[in-house]
C-alpha cells in the first residue's frame, strides 16, 4: 500500500515542522493552524491574544490525547494557552445534530481559526457557519473533494484545509487483508453507523465491489449509539459469521 493511497494532504503550507511531531498527520494539522494564526496575527494589533475554536464530535475524554499533542507542539512553537492564545472547546458528545449549533457558537465567539475533530457533518457545519474564518480538518470523513468541502486536494480554495485520510478508499484493501489472514473466510459481518456518510458509502459501494472480487458475502449490521453494540453482538453470537469488519465511523 503506497503512502499516496493511504493519505492525501491539502497543501497551502510552507512551514518546516519536522522537529515538532513525528506523526505526519499532526504536522500537517499544526502547520495549517500556524499558517492561519500567523495570517490572522499580521492583521491584528500587537500582543492581541489569538483565539482557537476546537470543535469535536466526541467528548473531552476521548479528545484529550489528540488535543494535548497539538497544544504541546504549539507551545514548542511559542503559542501558549493563557498567554498568547485562548482555546474555546465545544464537544458534540456523539450527537451529530448538535454540529450546526456548536459551529455557530464558535463563530459567534469570533475565533481566529476553527479546528474540527470530526467527520463531514462537523466540517460542513463549520463551513456553513463561516466563509472567512480558516477551518482545519483533522483527517476524518470522506474524500473532501467528493464531499464538496474543498475544490481539489492541491488547491482547496475557500477557507477549509488540513488533512484527510481517505479511509473509505481503503475498505477493499482491509477486506482483502482479512481474507489473507483467514483463507476460509466466506461470510463477513460489517458493523457501520447509518448516520455517518463515510460508513454508509463503505457499506453500499466500496465493500460490495471488493467482496465480489474476493468471493465473499458481506452482511451489514447497523450500529447506533447507546446500547447499539450490545444488541448487535448478541445477534452476531447466534449468526456466527466467519469474520467481522468495523467500518470507519467518523
C-alpha atoms as a PDB file:
ATOM      1  CA  UNK A   1       0.000   0.000   0.000  1.00  0.00           C
ATOM      2  CA  UNK A   2       1.586   3.297  -1.009  1.00  0.00           C
ATOM      3  CA  UNK A   3       1.548   6.342   1.225  1.00  0.00           C
ATOM      4  CA  UNK A   4      -0.183   8.217  -1.577  1.00  0.00           C
ATOM      5  CA  UNK A   5      -3.137   5.815  -1.481  1.00  0.00           C
ATOM      6  CA  UNK A   6      -3.450   5.892   2.290  1.00  0.00           C
ATOM      7  CA  UNK A   7      -3.209   9.606   2.939  1.00  0.00           C
ATOM      8  CA  UNK A   8      -3.746  12.743   0.895  1.00  0.00           C
ATOM      9  CA  UNK A   9      -2.912  16.173   2.180  1.00  0.00           C
ATOM     10  CA  UNK A  10      -4.260  19.618   1.414  1.00  0.00           C
ATOM     11  CA  UNK A  11      -1.421  21.970   0.836  1.00  0.00           C
ATOM     12  CA  UNK A  12      -1.220  25.723   1.414  1.00  0.00           C
ATOM     13  CA  UNK A  13       1.592  25.081   3.889  1.00  0.00           C
ATOM     14  CA  UNK A  14       5.262  26.028   3.769  1.00  0.00           C
ATOM     15  CA  UNK A  15       6.291  25.860   7.447  1.00  0.00           C
ATOM     16  CA  UNK A  16       9.052  23.430   8.447  1.00  0.00           C
ATOM     17  CA  UNK A  17       7.545  21.405  11.324  1.00  0.00           C
ATOM     18  CA  UNK A  18       9.567  18.187  11.122  1.00  0.00           C
ATOM     19  CA  UNK A  19      11.120  18.768  14.506  1.00  0.00           C
ATOM     20  CA  UNK A  20       7.740  19.313  16.151  1.00  0.00           C
ATOM     21  CA  UNK A  21       5.991  15.985  15.608  1.00  0.00           C
ATOM     22  CA  UNK A  22       6.958  12.617  14.227  1.00  0.00           C
ATOM     23  CA  UNK A  23       3.331  11.956  13.371  1.00  0.00           C
ATOM     24  CA  UNK A  24       2.852  13.456   9.912  1.00  0.00           C
ATOM     25  CA  UNK A  25      -0.860  13.981  10.379  1.00  0.00           C
ATOM     26  CA  UNK A  26      -0.317  16.275  13.339  1.00  0.00           C
ATOM     27  CA  UNK A  27       2.448  18.072  11.471  1.00  0.00           C
ATOM     28  CA  UNK A  28       0.032  18.996   8.691  1.00  0.00           C
ATOM     29  CA  UNK A  29      -2.741  19.966  11.104  1.00  0.00           C
ATOM     30  CA  UNK A  30      -0.334  22.036  13.163  1.00  0.00           C
ATOM     31  CA  UNK A  31       1.105  23.633  10.050  1.00  0.00           C
ATOM     32  CA  UNK A  32      -2.326  24.665   8.862  1.00  0.00           C
ATOM     33  CA  UNK A  33      -3.090  26.117  12.280  1.00  0.00           C
ATOM     34  CA  UNK A  34       0.139  28.116  12.406  1.00  0.00           C
ATOM     35  CA  UNK A  35      -0.397  29.327   8.852  1.00  0.00           C
ATOM     36  CA  UNK A  36      -3.861  30.599   9.739  1.00  0.00           C
ATOM     37  CA  UNK A  37      -2.797  32.046  13.073  1.00  0.00           C
ATOM     38  CA  UNK A  38       0.138  33.905  11.567  1.00  0.00           C
ATOM     39  CA  UNK A  39      -2.075  35.344   8.826  1.00  0.00           C
ATOM     40  CA  UNK A  40      -4.552  36.458  11.454  1.00  0.00           C
ATOM     41  CA  UNK A  41      -1.928  37.936  13.766  1.00  0.00           C
ATOM     42  CA  UNK A  42      -0.486  40.033  10.939  1.00  0.00           C
ATOM     43  CA  UNK A  43      -3.808  41.837  10.668  1.00  0.00           C
ATOM     44  CA  UNK A  44      -4.184  42.323  14.419  1.00  0.00           C
ATOM     45  CA  UNK A  45      -2.817  44.839  16.864  1.00  0.00           C
ATOM     46  CA  UNK A  46       0.421  43.801  18.626  1.00  0.00           C
ATOM     47  CA  UNK A  47       0.057  41.461  21.628  1.00  0.00           C
ATOM     48  CA  UNK A  48      -3.553  40.570  20.861  1.00  0.00           C
ATOM     49  CA  UNK A  49      -4.366  37.027  22.016  1.00  0.00           C
ATOM     50  CA  UNK A  50      -5.357  34.730  19.137  1.00  0.00           C
ATOM     51  CA  UNK A  51      -8.394  32.545  19.731  1.00  0.00           C
ATOM     52  CA  UNK A  52      -8.702  28.937  18.549  1.00  0.00           C
ATOM     53  CA  UNK A  53     -12.049  27.201  18.326  1.00  0.00           C
ATOM     54  CA  UNK A  54     -11.807  23.439  18.895  1.00  0.00           C
ATOM     55  CA  UNK A  55     -14.930  21.691  17.591  1.00  0.00           C
ATOM     56  CA  UNK A  56     -15.084  17.958  18.363  1.00  0.00           C
ATOM     57  CA  UNK A  57     -17.651  15.295  17.533  1.00  0.00           C
ATOM     58  CA  UNK A  58     -16.975  13.300  20.704  1.00  0.00           C
ATOM     59  CA  UNK A  59     -16.243  14.304  24.307  1.00  0.00           C
ATOM     60  CA  UNK A  60     -13.354  15.844  26.213  1.00  0.00           C
ATOM     61  CA  UNK A  61     -12.085  12.498  27.488  1.00  0.00           C
ATOM     62  CA  UNK A  62     -11.801  10.936  24.037  1.00  0.00           C
ATOM     63  CA  UNK A  63     -10.249  14.045  22.526  1.00  0.00           C
ATOM     64  CA  UNK A  64      -7.789  14.758  25.340  1.00  0.00           C
ATOM     65  CA  UNK A  65      -4.804  12.851  23.913  1.00  0.00           C
ATOM     66  CA  UNK A  66      -5.242  14.172  20.378  1.00  0.00           C
ATOM     67  CA  UNK A  67      -5.686  17.758  21.564  1.00  0.00           C
ATOM     68  CA  UNK A  68      -2.783  17.613  24.018  1.00  0.00           C
ATOM     69  CA  UNK A  69      -0.349  16.601  21.271  1.00  0.00           C
ATOM     70  CA  UNK A  70      -1.348  19.633  19.230  1.00  0.00           C
ATOM     71  CA  UNK A  71      -1.236  22.072  22.153  1.00  0.00           C
ATOM     72  CA  UNK A  72       2.176  20.708  23.195  1.00  0.00           C
ATOM     73  CA  UNK A  73       3.510  21.269  19.683  1.00  0.00           C
ATOM     74  CA  UNK A  74       2.069  24.779  19.664  1.00  0.00           C
ATOM     75  CA  UNK A  75       3.790  25.514  22.980  1.00  0.00           C
ATOM     76  CA  UNK A  76       7.078  24.408  21.458  1.00  0.00           C
ATOM     77  CA  UNK A  77       6.464  26.998  18.752  1.00  0.00           C
ATOM     78  CA  UNK A  78       5.760  29.724  21.270  1.00  0.00           C
ATOM     79  CA  UNK A  79       1.958  29.572  21.240  1.00  0.00           C
ATOM     80  CA  UNK A  80       0.935  29.154  24.886  1.00  0.00           C
ATOM     81  CA  UNK A  81      -2.641  28.903  26.114  1.00  0.00           C
ATOM     82  CA  UNK A  82      -3.419  31.716  28.522  1.00  0.00           C
ATOM     83  CA  UNK A  83      -0.534  33.837  27.265  1.00  0.00           C
ATOM     84  CA  UNK A  84      -0.862  34.463  23.532  1.00  0.00           C
ATOM     85  CA  UNK A  85      -3.636  32.040  22.533  1.00  0.00           C
ATOM     86  CA  UNK A  86      -7.030  31.205  24.008  1.00  0.00           C
ATOM     87  CA  UNK A  87      -8.840  27.968  23.179  1.00  0.00           C
ATOM     88  CA  UNK A  88     -12.616  27.639  23.040  1.00  0.00           C
ATOM     89  CA  UNK A  89     -13.671  23.984  23.344  1.00  0.00           C
ATOM     90  CA  UNK A  90     -17.010  22.683  22.104  1.00  0.00           C
ATOM     91  CA  UNK A  91     -17.869  18.960  22.253  1.00  0.00           C
ATOM     92  CA  UNK A  92     -20.733  17.221  20.466  1.00  0.00           C
ATOM     93  CA  UNK A  93     -20.784  14.254  22.868  1.00  0.00           C
ATOM     94  CA  UNK A  94     -21.555  11.981  19.901  1.00  0.00           C
ATOM     95  CA  UNK A  95     -24.678  13.951  18.929  1.00  0.00           C
ATOM     96  CA  UNK A  96     -24.271  14.821  15.273  1.00  0.00           C
ATOM     97  CA  UNK A  97     -27.385  17.001  15.263  1.00  0.00           C
ATOM     98  CA  UNK A  98     -25.550  19.469  17.520  1.00  0.00           C
ATOM     99  CA  UNK A  99     -22.906  20.209  14.876  1.00  0.00           C
ATOM    100  CA  UNK A 100     -24.609  23.314  13.356  1.00  0.00           C
ATOM    101  CA  UNK A 101     -25.404  24.756  16.778  1.00  0.00           C
ATOM    102  CA  UNK A 102     -21.891  24.317  18.166  1.00  0.00           C
ATOM    103  CA  UNK A 103     -20.226  25.537  14.968  1.00  0.00           C
ATOM    104  CA  UNK A 104     -22.350  28.691  15.005  1.00  0.00           C
ATOM    105  CA  UNK A 105     -21.489  29.209  18.673  1.00  0.00           C
ATOM    106  CA  UNK A 106     -17.761  29.022  17.970  1.00  0.00           C
ATOM    107  CA  UNK A 107     -18.112  31.520  15.120  1.00  0.00           C
ATOM    108  CA  UNK A 108     -20.008  33.950  17.363  1.00  0.00           C
ATOM    109  CA  UNK A 109     -17.012  33.889  19.711  1.00  0.00           C
ATOM    110  CA  UNK A 110     -15.006  35.475  16.875  1.00  0.00           C
ATOM    111  CA  UNK A 111     -12.206  32.924  16.939  1.00  0.00           C
ATOM    112  CA  UNK A 112      -9.292  33.294  14.536  1.00  0.00           C
ATOM    113  CA  UNK A 113      -9.268  29.642  13.461  1.00  0.00           C
ATOM    114  CA  UNK A 114     -11.502  26.585  13.888  1.00  0.00           C
ATOM    115  CA  UNK A 115     -10.016  23.108  14.330  1.00  0.00           C
ATOM    116  CA  UNK A 116     -12.545  20.371  13.562  1.00  0.00           C
ATOM    117  CA  UNK A 117     -12.074  16.902  15.029  1.00  0.00           C
ATOM    118  CA  UNK A 118     -14.988  15.110  13.398  1.00  0.00           C
ATOM    119  CA  UNK A 119     -16.365  13.831  10.113  1.00  0.00           C
ATOM    120  CA  UNK A 120     -18.003  15.539   7.153  1.00  0.00           C
ATOM    121  CA  UNK A 121     -21.073  16.723   9.049  1.00  0.00           C
ATOM    122  CA  UNK A 122     -18.894  18.628  11.513  1.00  0.00           C
ATOM    123  CA  UNK A 123     -16.601  20.096   8.877  1.00  0.00           C
ATOM    124  CA  UNK A 124     -19.604  21.123   6.780  1.00  0.00           C
ATOM    125  CA  UNK A 125     -21.299  22.675   9.803  1.00  0.00           C
ATOM    126  CA  UNK A 126     -18.231  24.826  10.393  1.00  0.00           C
ATOM    127  CA  UNK A 127     -18.015  25.730   6.715  1.00  0.00           C
ATOM    128  CA  UNK A 128     -21.693  26.700   6.644  1.00  0.00           C
ATOM    129  CA  UNK A 129     -21.214  28.845   9.736  1.00  0.00           C
ATOM    130  CA  UNK A 130     -18.377  30.934   8.267  1.00  0.00           C
ATOM    131  CA  UNK A 131     -16.836  31.690   4.888  1.00  0.00           C
ATOM    132  CA  UNK A 132     -13.927  33.689   6.285  1.00  0.00           C
ATOM    133  CA  UNK A 133     -12.535  32.002   9.417  1.00  0.00           C
ATOM    134  CA  UNK A 134      -9.905  29.347   8.479  1.00  0.00           C
ATOM    135  CA  UNK A 135     -11.086  25.791   9.190  1.00  0.00           C
ATOM    136  CA  UNK A 136      -8.577  22.985   9.786  1.00  0.00           C
ATOM    137  CA  UNK A 137      -9.870  19.406   9.478  1.00  0.00           C
ATOM    138  CA  UNK A 138      -8.076  16.610  11.297  1.00  0.00           C
ATOM    139  CA  UNK A 139      -8.399  13.627   8.991  1.00  0.00           C
ATOM    140  CA  UNK A 140     -11.917  12.243   9.388  1.00  0.00           C
ATOM    141  CA  UNK A 141     -14.708  11.686   6.893  1.00  0.00           C
ATOM    142  CA  UNK A 142     -14.965  11.197   3.150  1.00  0.00           C
ATOM    143  CA  UNK A 143     -12.728  12.478   0.413  1.00  0.00           C
ATOM    144  CA  UNK A 144     -13.211  16.244   0.983  1.00  0.00           C
ATOM    145  CA  UNK A 145     -13.407  16.835  -2.774  1.00  0.00           C
ATOM    146  CA  UNK A 146     -16.202  14.277  -3.197  1.00  0.00           C
ATOM    147  CA  UNK A 147     -17.917  15.679  -0.098  1.00  0.00           C
ATOM    148  CA  UNK A 148     -17.818  19.170  -1.612  1.00  0.00           C
ATOM    149  CA  UNK A 149     -15.724  20.610   1.197  1.00  0.00           C
ATOM    150  CA  UNK A 150     -12.807  21.712  -0.996  1.00  0.00           C
ATOM    151  CA  UNK A 151     -12.281  22.313  -4.707  1.00  0.00           C
ATOM    152  CA  UNK A 152      -9.274  19.991  -5.002  1.00  0.00           C
ATOM    153  CA  UNK A 153      -6.565  18.461  -2.817  1.00  0.00           C
ATOM    154  CA  UNK A 154      -3.824  20.556  -4.413  1.00  0.00           C
ATOM    155  CA  UNK A 155      -5.820  23.797  -4.308  1.00  0.00           C
ATOM    156  CA  UNK A 156      -8.527  23.572  -1.639  1.00  0.00           C
ATOM    157  CA  UNK A 157      -9.851  27.078  -2.210  1.00  0.00           C
ATOM    158  CA  UNK A 158     -12.277  28.650   0.256  1.00  0.00           C
ATOM    159  CA  UNK A 159     -11.449  28.520   3.952  1.00  0.00           C
ATOM    160  CA  UNK A 160     -11.051  24.751   4.577  1.00  0.00           C
ATOM    161  CA  UNK A 161      -7.679  22.994   4.736  1.00  0.00           C
ATOM    162  CA  UNK A 162      -5.919  20.329   6.839  1.00  0.00           C
ATOM    163  CA  UNK A 163      -5.514  16.597   6.393  1.00  0.00           C
ATOM    164  CA  UNK A 164      -7.701  13.754   5.157  1.00  0.00           C
ATOM    165  CA  UNK A 165      -7.131  10.005   5.499  1.00  0.00           C
ATOM    166  CA  UNK A 166      -9.441   8.903   2.675  1.00  0.00           C
ATOM    167  CA  UNK A 167     -10.231   5.909   4.885  1.00  0.00           C
ATOM    168  CA  UNK A 168     -13.151   4.694   2.764  1.00  0.00           C
ATOM    169  CA  UNK A 169     -10.907   4.143  -0.250  1.00  0.00           C
ATOM    170  CA  UNK A 170      -9.002   1.569   1.794  1.00  0.00           C
ATOM    171  CA  UNK A 171     -12.087  -0.504   2.606  1.00  0.00           C
ATOM    172  CA  UNK A 172     -11.445  -3.020  -0.145  1.00  0.00           C
ATOM    173  CA  UNK A 173      -7.832  -3.427   0.930  1.00  0.00           C
ATOM    174  CA  UNK A 174      -8.871  -4.093   4.516  1.00  0.00           C
ATOM    175  CA  UNK A 175     -11.268  -6.776   3.343  1.00  0.00           C
ATOM    176  CA  UNK A 176      -8.506  -8.296   1.223  1.00  0.00           C
ATOM    177  CA  UNK A 177      -6.168  -8.410   4.223  1.00  0.00           C
ATOM    178  CA  UNK A 178      -8.876 -10.091   6.285  1.00  0.00           C
ATOM    179  CA  UNK A 179      -9.248 -12.738   3.575  1.00  0.00           C
ATOM    180  CA  UNK A 180      -5.491 -13.318   3.537  1.00  0.00           C
ATOM    181  CA  UNK A 181      -5.458 -13.731   7.310  1.00  0.00           C
ATOM    182  CA  UNK A 182      -8.425 -16.129   7.245  1.00  0.00           C
ATOM    183  CA  UNK A 183      -8.272 -18.079   3.939  1.00  0.00           C
ATOM    184  CA  UNK A 184     -11.554 -19.931   4.641  1.00  0.00           C
ATOM    185  CA  UNK A 185     -13.396 -16.663   5.136  1.00  0.00           C
ATOM    186  CA  UNK A 186     -16.806 -16.664   3.430  1.00  0.00           C
ATOM    187  CA  UNK A 187     -19.267 -14.513   5.432  1.00  0.00           C
ATOM    188  CA  UNK A 188     -18.231 -11.169   6.895  1.00  0.00           C
ATOM    189  CA  UNK A 189     -20.406  -9.140   9.246  1.00  0.00           C
ATOM    190  CA  UNK A 190     -19.927  -5.413   8.648  1.00  0.00           C
ATOM    191  CA  UNK A 191     -20.699  -3.041  11.508  1.00  0.00           C
ATOM    192  CA  UNK A 192     -21.465   0.528  10.461  1.00  0.00           C
ATOM    193  CA  UNK A 193     -23.077   3.744  11.660  1.00  0.00           C
ATOM    194  CA  UNK A 194     -26.006   4.669   9.356  1.00  0.00           C
ATOM    195  CA  UNK A 195     -25.680   8.308  10.426  1.00  0.00           C
ATOM    196  CA  UNK A 196     -22.125   8.589   9.084  1.00  0.00           C
ATOM    197  CA  UNK A 197     -21.807   9.223   5.301  1.00  0.00           C
ATOM    198  CA  UNK A 198     -18.341   7.649   5.083  1.00  0.00           C
ATOM    199  CA  UNK A 199     -19.577   4.500   6.794  1.00  0.00           C
ATOM    200  CA  UNK A 200     -22.669   4.226   4.580  1.00  0.00           C
ATOM    201  CA  UNK A 201     -20.587   4.694   1.422  1.00  0.00           C
ATOM    202  CA  UNK A 202     -18.216   1.984   2.619  1.00  0.00           C
ATOM    203  CA  UNK A 203     -21.082  -0.493   3.084  1.00  0.00           C
ATOM    204  CA  UNK A 204     -23.120   0.332  -0.020  1.00  0.00           C
ATOM    205  CA  UNK A 205     -20.412   0.849  -2.634  1.00  0.00           C
ATOM    206  CA  UNK A 206     -16.826   0.104  -1.608  1.00  0.00           C
ATOM    207  CA  UNK A 207     -17.148  -3.208   0.237  1.00  0.00           C
ATOM    208  CA  UNK A 208     -19.669  -4.915  -2.111  1.00  0.00           C
ATOM    209  CA  UNK A 209     -17.324  -4.444  -5.077  1.00  0.00           C
ATOM    210  CA  UNK A 210     -14.354  -5.792  -3.123  1.00  0.00           C
ATOM    211  CA  UNK A 211     -16.409  -8.683  -1.735  1.00  0.00           C
ATOM    212  CA  UNK A 212     -17.443  -9.818  -5.223  1.00  0.00           C
ATOM    213  CA  UNK A 213     -13.826  -9.914  -6.336  1.00  0.00           C
ATOM    214  CA  UNK A 214     -12.862 -11.905  -3.231  1.00  0.00           C
ATOM    215  CA  UNK A 215     -15.932 -14.177  -3.449  1.00  0.00           C
ATOM    216  CA  UNK A 216     -17.120 -13.076  -0.048  1.00  0.00           C
ATOM    217  CA  UNK A 217     -20.587 -12.381   1.297  1.00  0.00           C
ATOM    218  CA  UNK A 218     -20.900  -9.269   3.418  1.00  0.00           C
ATOM    219  CA  UNK A 219     -23.716  -8.838   5.923  1.00  0.00           C
ATOM    220  CA  UNK A 220     -24.267  -5.199   7.009  1.00  0.00           C
ATOM    221  CA  UNK A 221     -25.292  -4.531  10.614  1.00  0.00           C
ATOM    222  CA  UNK A 222     -26.373  -1.070  11.705  1.00  0.00           C
ATOM    223  CA  UNK A 223     -24.858   0.085  14.988  1.00  0.00           C
ATOM    224  CA  UNK A 224     -26.492   3.087  16.610  1.00  0.00           C
ATOM    225  CA  UNK A 225     -25.457   4.983  19.767  1.00  0.00           C
ATOM    226  CA  UNK A 226     -26.077   3.880  23.348  1.00  0.00           C
ATOM    227  CA  UNK A 227     -26.629   0.107  23.547  1.00  0.00           C
ATOM    228  CA  UNK A 228     -26.151  -0.492  19.824  1.00  0.00           C
ATOM    229  CA  UNK A 229     -23.065  -2.670  20.158  1.00  0.00           C
ATOM    230  CA  UNK A 230     -24.564  -4.902  22.831  1.00  0.00           C
ATOM    231  CA  UNK A 231     -27.621  -5.685  20.721  1.00  0.00           C
ATOM    232  CA  UNK A 232     -25.609  -6.330  17.570  1.00  0.00           C
ATOM    233  CA  UNK A 233     -23.075  -8.601  19.260  1.00  0.00           C
ATOM    234  CA  UNK A 234     -25.865 -10.554  20.917  1.00  0.00           C
ATOM    235  CA  UNK A 235     -27.336 -11.197  17.462  1.00  0.00           C
ATOM    236  CA  UNK A 236     -23.937 -11.969  15.930  1.00  0.00           C
ATOM    237  CA  UNK A 237     -23.292 -14.632  18.547  1.00  0.00           C
ATOM    238  CA  UNK A 238     -26.233 -16.524  17.046  1.00  0.00           C
ATOM    239  CA  UNK A 239     -25.428 -15.827  13.384  1.00  0.00           C
ATOM    240  CA  UNK A 240     -21.722 -16.652  13.832  1.00  0.00           C
ATOM    241  CA  UNK A 241     -20.155 -15.034  10.742  1.00  0.00           C
ATOM    242  CA  UNK A 242     -16.605 -16.011   9.702  1.00  0.00           C
ATOM    243  CA  UNK A 243     -15.240 -12.523  10.169  1.00  0.00           C
ATOM    244  CA  UNK A 244     -16.035  -9.051  11.494  1.00  0.00           C
ATOM    245  CA  UNK A 245     -15.368  -5.738   9.763  1.00  0.00           C
ATOM    246  CA  UNK A 246     -15.961  -2.417  11.525  1.00  0.00           C
ATOM    247  CA  UNK A 247     -16.487   0.435   9.082  1.00  0.00           C
ATOM    248  CA  UNK A 248     -14.923   3.829   9.896  1.00  0.00           C
ATOM    249  CA  UNK A 249     -17.480   5.769  11.923  1.00  0.00           C
ATOM    250  CA  UNK A 250     -16.051   9.295  11.760  1.00  0.00           C
END
